[in-house]
């Protein structure tokens, strides 16, 4: 996928697919997949750029909540549309839970960091 197409919606589409795929642990697979994709498209995974653990895991949790709220036979494109039409469809949704300072810290980029503004609802 060309880098310009790896959007907020594309991240959620990949997350939903991995979460619904039998036998796949999306929380184990997605981080490595994003790192490899970044490198393949010329983005280095550093302390300030590339892969971000807290954003990835929080987004996976949001996607998991969307899947859990949907009927099991709901097509993924419909679950994605529902998710994107919710508050989580905005790329800045995460800033309701984390301050910019905490979220964009090196610590949060490298490992899960709990929200400092309010707890995630899922």
N, C-alpha and C. Protein backbone atom coordinates (compact mmCIF):
# COMPACT_ATOMS: atom_id res chain seq x y z
N UNK A 1 0.85 -1.17 0.00
CA UNK A 1 0.00 0.00 0.00
C UNK A 1 0.89 1.23 0.00
N UNK A 2 0.64 2.15 -0.91
CA UNK A 2 1.43 3.39 -0.92
C UNK A 2 1.24 4.16 0.39
N UNK A 3 2.29 4.79 0.86
CA UNK A 3 2.28 5.51 2.13
C UNK A 3 1.11 6.49 2.26
N UNK A 4 0.76 7.28 1.22
CA UNK A 4 -0.35 8.22 1.37
C UNK A 4 -1.70 7.53 1.66
N UNK A 5 -1.80 6.25 1.33
CA UNK A 5 -3.05 5.53 1.58
C UNK A 5 -3.09 4.86 2.96
N UNK A 6 -1.99 4.92 3.71
CA UNK A 6 -1.92 4.32 5.05
C UNK A 6 -2.45 5.37 6.03
N UNK A 7 -3.75 5.56 6.00
CA UNK A 7 -4.44 6.60 6.75
C UNK A 7 -4.98 6.07 8.07
N UNK A 8 -5.61 6.94 8.83
CA UNK A 8 -6.29 6.55 10.07
C UNK A 8 -7.30 5.44 9.77
N UNK A 9 -8.08 5.61 8.70
CA UNK A 9 -9.07 4.60 8.32
C UNK A 9 -8.39 3.29 7.93
N UNK A 10 -7.29 3.36 7.23
CA UNK A 10 -6.57 2.14 6.83
C UNK A 10 -6.01 1.41 8.04
N UNK A 11 -5.52 2.14 9.02
CA UNK A 11 -5.04 1.52 10.25
C UNK A 11 -6.18 0.74 10.92
N UNK A 12 -7.36 1.37 11.02
CA UNK A 12 -8.49 0.70 11.65
C UNK A 12 -8.98 -0.48 10.81
N UNK A 13 -8.95 -0.36 9.48
CA UNK A 13 -9.35 -1.47 8.62
C UNK A 13 -8.44 -2.68 8.86
N UNK A 14 -7.14 -2.45 8.92
CA UNK A 14 -6.19 -3.53 9.18
C UNK A 14 -6.41 -4.13 10.56
N UNK A 15 -6.63 -3.27 11.54
CA UNK A 15 -6.86 -3.73 12.91
C UNK A 15 -8.11 -4.61 12.98
N UNK A 16 -9.19 -4.16 12.38
CA UNK A 16 -10.43 -4.95 12.39
C UNK A 16 -10.24 -6.30 11.73
N UNK A 17 -9.55 -6.31 10.60
CA UNK A 17 -9.33 -7.58 9.90
C UNK A 17 -8.51 -8.53 10.77
N UNK A 18 -7.43 -8.03 11.36
CA UNK A 18 -6.60 -8.88 12.22
C UNK A 18 -7.37 -9.37 13.43
N UNK A 19 -8.18 -8.50 14.02
CA UNK A 19 -8.95 -8.89 15.21
C UNK A 19 -9.98 -9.96 14.91
N UNK A 20 -10.52 -9.95 13.70
CA UNK A 20 -11.54 -10.94 13.35
C UNK A 20 -10.94 -12.22 12.77
N UNK A 21 -9.71 -12.18 12.36
CA UNK A 21 -9.06 -13.34 11.73
C UNK A 21 -8.82 -14.44 12.78
N UNK A 22 -9.39 -15.64 12.55
CA UNK A 22 -9.23 -16.73 13.52
C UNK A 22 -7.75 -17.09 13.72
N UNK A 23 -7.40 -17.29 14.97
CA UNK A 23 -6.04 -17.73 15.29
C UNK A 23 -4.98 -16.64 15.26
N UNK A 24 -5.38 -15.40 15.01
CA UNK A 24 -4.41 -14.30 14.94
C UNK A 24 -4.55 -13.45 16.20
N UNK A 25 -3.44 -13.19 16.86
CA UNK A 25 -3.41 -12.28 18.00
C UNK A 25 -3.01 -10.90 17.46
N UNK A 26 -4.01 -10.10 17.18
CA UNK A 26 -3.76 -8.78 16.57
C UNK A 26 -2.84 -7.92 17.42
N UNK A 27 -2.94 -8.06 18.73
CA UNK A 27 -2.10 -7.25 19.61
C UNK A 27 -0.64 -7.66 19.52
N UNK A 28 -0.38 -8.88 19.09
CA UNK A 28 1.00 -9.34 18.89
C UNK A 28 1.48 -9.06 17.46
N UNK A 29 0.57 -9.15 16.49
CA UNK A 29 0.94 -9.03 15.07
C UNK A 29 1.04 -7.59 14.59
N UNK A 30 0.10 -6.76 14.97
CA UNK A 30 0.02 -5.39 14.42
C UNK A 30 1.28 -4.57 14.68
N UNK A 31 1.83 -4.57 15.89
CA UNK A 31 3.04 -3.75 16.10
C UNK A 31 4.18 -4.09 15.13
N UNK A 32 4.47 -5.36 14.96
CA UNK A 32 5.54 -5.76 14.04
C UNK A 32 5.21 -5.42 12.60
N UNK A 33 3.95 -5.61 12.23
CA UNK A 33 3.53 -5.30 10.86
C UNK A 33 3.71 -3.81 10.56
N UNK A 34 3.35 -2.96 11.51
CA UNK A 34 3.50 -1.52 11.30
C UNK A 34 4.98 -1.15 11.20
N UNK A 35 5.80 -1.72 12.06
CA UNK A 35 7.24 -1.42 12.00
C UNK A 35 7.84 -1.81 10.65
N UNK A 36 7.50 -3.01 10.18
CA UNK A 36 8.02 -3.49 8.89
C UNK A 36 7.50 -2.62 7.76
N UNK A 37 6.22 -2.28 7.78
CA UNK A 37 5.65 -1.41 6.75
C UNK A 37 6.36 -0.06 6.74
N UNK A 38 6.57 0.51 7.92
CA UNK A 38 7.26 1.80 8.00
C UNK A 38 8.62 1.72 7.31
N UNK A 39 9.39 0.71 7.66
CA UNK A 39 10.72 0.56 7.07
C UNK A 39 10.65 0.38 5.56
N UNK A 40 9.66 -0.39 5.10
CA UNK A 40 9.51 -0.63 3.66
C UNK A 40 9.15 0.63 2.89
N UNK A 41 8.54 1.60 3.59
CA UNK A 41 8.15 2.84 2.93
C UNK A 41 9.06 4.01 3.29
N UNK A 42 10.22 3.70 3.87
CA UNK A 42 11.22 4.72 4.14
C UNK A 42 11.05 5.48 5.44
N UNK A 43 10.17 5.01 6.31
CA UNK A 43 9.96 5.67 7.60
C UNK A 43 10.74 4.90 8.66
N UNK A 44 11.63 5.57 9.34
CA UNK A 44 12.39 4.92 10.39
C UNK A 44 11.58 4.90 11.69
N UNK A 45 11.73 3.83 12.44
CA UNK A 45 11.08 3.70 13.74
C UNK A 45 12.08 4.18 14.80
N UNK A 46 11.89 5.42 15.24
CA UNK A 46 12.84 6.05 16.16
C UNK A 46 12.11 6.53 17.41
N UNK A 47 12.82 7.25 18.24
CA UNK A 47 12.21 7.84 19.44
C UNK A 47 11.21 8.93 19.11
N UNK A 48 11.23 9.44 17.89
CA UNK A 48 10.35 10.56 17.53
C UNK A 48 9.52 10.33 16.27
N UNK A 49 9.69 9.19 15.62
CA UNK A 49 8.99 8.96 14.35
C UNK A 49 8.70 7.47 14.18
N UNK A 50 7.73 7.18 13.33
CA UNK A 50 7.43 5.80 13.03
C UNK A 50 6.48 5.17 14.04
N UNK A 51 6.73 3.90 14.33
CA UNK A 51 5.84 3.13 15.18
C UNK A 51 5.64 3.77 16.55
N UNK A 52 4.36 3.70 17.04
CA UNK A 52 4.01 4.26 18.34
C UNK A 52 3.17 3.22 19.08
N UNK A 53 3.75 2.62 20.11
CA UNK A 53 3.11 1.52 20.85
C UNK A 53 1.79 1.92 21.50
N UNK A 54 1.75 3.02 22.22
CA UNK A 54 0.54 3.39 22.93
C UNK A 54 -0.60 3.70 21.97
N UNK A 55 -0.34 4.42 20.90
CA UNK A 55 -1.39 4.72 19.92
C UNK A 55 -1.87 3.43 19.26
N UNK A 56 -0.96 2.54 18.93
CA UNK A 56 -1.35 1.28 18.28
C UNK A 56 -2.23 0.45 19.20
N UNK A 57 -1.80 0.26 20.44
CA UNK A 57 -2.58 -0.58 21.35
C UNK A 57 -3.92 0.05 21.72
N UNK A 58 -3.96 1.38 21.88
CA UNK A 58 -5.22 2.06 22.16
C UNK A 58 -6.17 1.91 20.97
N UNK A 59 -5.64 2.04 19.77
CA UNK A 59 -6.46 1.91 18.57
C UNK A 59 -6.97 0.48 18.41
N UNK A 60 -6.15 -0.49 18.71
CA UNK A 60 -6.60 -1.88 18.68
C UNK A 60 -7.72 -2.10 19.70
N UNK A 61 -7.61 -1.49 20.86
CA UNK A 61 -8.66 -1.62 21.86
C UNK A 61 -9.96 -0.98 21.38
N UNK A 62 -9.86 0.17 20.71
CA UNK A 62 -11.05 0.82 20.16
C UNK A 62 -11.68 -0.05 19.07
N UNK A 63 -10.85 -0.64 18.23
CA UNK A 63 -11.35 -1.53 17.17
C UNK A 63 -11.99 -2.77 17.78
N UNK A 64 -11.38 -3.33 18.80
CA UNK A 64 -11.94 -4.51 19.49
C UNK A 64 -13.31 -4.17 20.08
N UNK A 65 -13.44 -2.99 20.68
CA UNK A 65 -14.72 -2.56 21.24
C UNK A 65 -15.78 -2.43 20.14
N UNK A 66 -15.38 -1.90 18.99
CA UNK A 66 -16.32 -1.78 17.86
C UNK A 66 -16.78 -3.15 17.38
N UNK A 67 -15.86 -4.09 17.28
CA UNK A 67 -16.23 -5.44 16.88
C UNK A 67 -17.14 -6.10 17.91
N UNK A 68 -16.82 -5.92 19.18
CA UNK A 68 -17.63 -6.52 20.24
C UNK A 68 -19.05 -5.96 20.26
N UNK A 69 -19.21 -4.69 19.87
CA UNK A 69 -20.52 -4.05 19.87
C UNK A 69 -21.35 -4.42 18.64
N UNK A 70 -20.70 -4.95 17.62
CA UNK A 70 -21.39 -5.28 16.37
C UNK A 70 -21.86 -6.74 16.38
N UNK A 71 -22.93 -7.04 15.67
CA UNK A 71 -23.31 -8.45 15.52
C UNK A 71 -22.15 -9.22 14.87
N UNK A 72 -21.94 -10.48 15.26
CA UNK A 72 -20.78 -11.22 14.76
C UNK A 72 -20.74 -11.39 13.24
N UNK A 73 -21.90 -11.30 12.59
CA UNK A 73 -21.93 -11.48 11.14
C UNK A 73 -21.91 -10.14 10.38
N UNK A 74 -21.75 -9.05 11.10
CA UNK A 74 -21.71 -7.74 10.42
C UNK A 74 -20.44 -7.67 9.58
N UNK A 75 -20.56 -7.31 8.31
CA UNK A 75 -19.37 -7.21 7.46
C UNK A 75 -18.36 -6.21 8.01
N UNK A 76 -17.09 -6.51 7.82
CA UNK A 76 -16.04 -5.63 8.36
C UNK A 76 -16.14 -4.22 7.81
N UNK A 77 -16.51 -4.06 6.55
CA UNK A 77 -16.61 -2.70 6.00
C UNK A 77 -17.69 -1.90 6.73
N UNK A 78 -18.74 -2.58 7.19
CA UNK A 78 -19.80 -1.89 7.93
C UNK A 78 -19.32 -1.56 9.35
N UNK A 79 -18.59 -2.47 9.97
CA UNK A 79 -18.02 -2.19 11.30
C UNK A 79 -17.05 -1.01 11.19
N UNK A 80 -16.24 -1.01 10.15
CA UNK A 80 -15.31 0.09 9.93
C UNK A 80 -16.06 1.41 9.74
N UNK A 81 -17.11 1.39 8.95
CA UNK A 81 -17.90 2.62 8.73
C UNK A 81 -18.49 3.11 10.04
N UNK A 82 -19.00 2.18 10.87
CA UNK A 82 -19.54 2.57 12.17
C UNK A 82 -18.45 3.19 13.05
N UNK A 83 -17.29 2.55 13.06
CA UNK A 83 -16.18 3.04 13.87
C UNK A 83 -15.73 4.42 13.41
N UNK A 84 -15.61 4.59 12.11
CA UNK A 84 -15.15 5.87 11.57
C UNK A 84 -16.18 6.98 11.74
N UNK A 85 -17.45 6.63 11.85
CA UNK A 85 -18.48 7.65 12.07
C UNK A 85 -18.65 7.99 13.55
N UNK A 86 -17.96 7.24 14.41
CA UNK A 86 -17.99 7.52 15.84
C UNK A 86 -16.90 8.54 16.19
N UNK A 87 -16.80 8.88 17.47
CA UNK A 87 -15.75 9.79 17.91
C UNK A 87 -14.36 9.26 17.60
N UNK A 88 -14.21 7.93 17.50
CA UNK A 88 -12.91 7.32 17.25
C UNK A 88 -12.49 7.44 15.78
N UNK A 89 -13.39 7.89 14.95
CA UNK A 89 -13.08 8.11 13.55
C UNK A 89 -12.22 9.34 13.32
N UNK A 90 -12.17 10.19 14.31
CA UNK A 90 -11.31 11.39 14.23
C UNK A 90 -9.90 10.98 14.63
N UNK A 91 -8.92 11.42 13.87
CA UNK A 91 -7.54 11.02 14.17
C UNK A 91 -7.04 11.59 15.50
N UNK A 92 -7.72 12.60 16.03
CA UNK A 92 -7.30 13.17 17.31
C UNK A 92 -8.10 12.61 18.50
N UNK A 93 -8.86 11.54 18.30
CA UNK A 93 -9.68 10.98 19.37
C UNK A 93 -8.88 10.66 20.62
N UNK A 94 -7.67 10.25 20.42
CA UNK A 94 -6.83 9.78 21.52
C UNK A 94 -6.46 10.89 22.50
N UNK A 95 -6.51 12.13 22.04
CA UNK A 95 -6.14 13.26 22.89
C UNK A 95 -7.22 13.60 23.92
N UNK A 96 -8.34 12.91 23.87
CA UNK A 96 -9.34 13.04 24.94
C UNK A 96 -8.90 12.24 26.17
N UNK A 97 -7.96 11.32 25.97
CA UNK A 97 -7.53 10.42 27.04
C UNK A 97 -6.09 10.66 27.50
N UNK A 98 -5.24 11.10 26.59
CA UNK A 98 -3.83 11.38 26.90
C UNK A 98 -3.53 12.84 26.61
N UNK A 99 -2.72 13.43 27.45
CA UNK A 99 -2.20 14.77 27.13
C UNK A 99 -1.18 14.60 26.01
N UNK A 100 -0.98 15.64 25.23
CA UNK A 100 0.02 15.58 24.15
C UNK A 100 1.40 15.24 24.71
N UNK A 101 1.74 15.86 25.82
CA UNK A 101 3.06 15.63 26.41
C UNK A 101 3.27 14.15 26.75
N UNK A 102 2.29 13.54 27.38
CA UNK A 102 2.43 12.13 27.76
C UNK A 102 2.37 11.22 26.54
N UNK A 103 1.42 11.48 25.64
CA UNK A 103 1.24 10.61 24.47
C UNK A 103 2.45 10.63 23.55
N UNK A 104 3.03 11.79 23.35
CA UNK A 104 4.14 11.90 22.41
C UNK A 104 5.51 11.82 23.08
N UNK A 105 5.51 11.27 24.29
CA UNK A 105 6.77 11.03 24.98
C UNK A 105 7.46 9.80 24.36
N UNK A 106 8.75 9.71 24.54
CA UNK A 106 9.50 8.54 24.07
C UNK A 106 8.97 7.29 24.77
N UNK A 107 8.67 7.41 26.06
CA UNK A 107 8.15 6.28 26.82
C UNK A 107 6.87 5.71 26.18
N UNK A 108 5.92 6.59 25.80
CA UNK A 108 4.66 6.14 25.21
C UNK A 108 4.85 5.59 23.80
N UNK A 109 5.85 6.08 23.10
CA UNK A 109 6.13 5.57 21.77
C UNK A 109 6.69 4.15 21.84
N UNK A 110 7.46 3.86 22.87
CA UNK A 110 8.15 2.57 22.97
C UNK A 110 7.36 1.50 23.72
N UNK A 111 6.45 1.92 24.64
CA UNK A 111 5.72 0.96 25.47
C UNK A 111 4.36 1.54 25.83
N UNK A 112 3.45 0.66 26.23
CA UNK A 112 2.13 1.12 26.65
C UNK A 112 2.26 2.04 27.85
N UNK A 113 1.57 3.19 27.78
CA UNK A 113 1.50 4.13 28.87
C UNK A 113 0.02 4.41 29.11
N UNK A 114 -0.40 4.30 30.36
CA UNK A 114 -1.80 4.54 30.71
C UNK A 114 -2.19 5.99 30.43
N UNK A 115 -3.46 6.23 30.10
CA UNK A 115 -3.92 7.60 29.87
C UNK A 115 -3.77 8.45 31.13
N UNK A 116 -3.52 9.72 30.94
CA UNK A 116 -3.38 10.62 32.08
C UNK A 116 -4.54 11.61 32.22
N UNK A 117 -5.44 11.67 31.24
CA UNK A 117 -6.57 12.58 31.34
C UNK A 117 -7.84 11.88 31.83
N UNK A 118 -8.11 10.71 31.27
CA UNK A 118 -9.22 9.88 31.74
C UNK A 118 -9.04 8.48 31.19
N UNK A 119 -9.65 7.52 31.86
CA UNK A 119 -9.50 6.12 31.48
C UNK A 119 -10.24 5.84 30.16
N UNK A 120 -9.69 4.91 29.41
CA UNK A 120 -10.38 4.46 28.20
C UNK A 120 -11.67 3.75 28.61
N UNK A 121 -12.74 3.89 27.81
CA UNK A 121 -14.01 3.25 28.18
C UNK A 121 -14.07 1.77 27.80
N UNK A 122 -13.00 1.25 27.26
CA UNK A 122 -12.98 -0.15 26.84
C UNK A 122 -11.70 -0.80 27.30
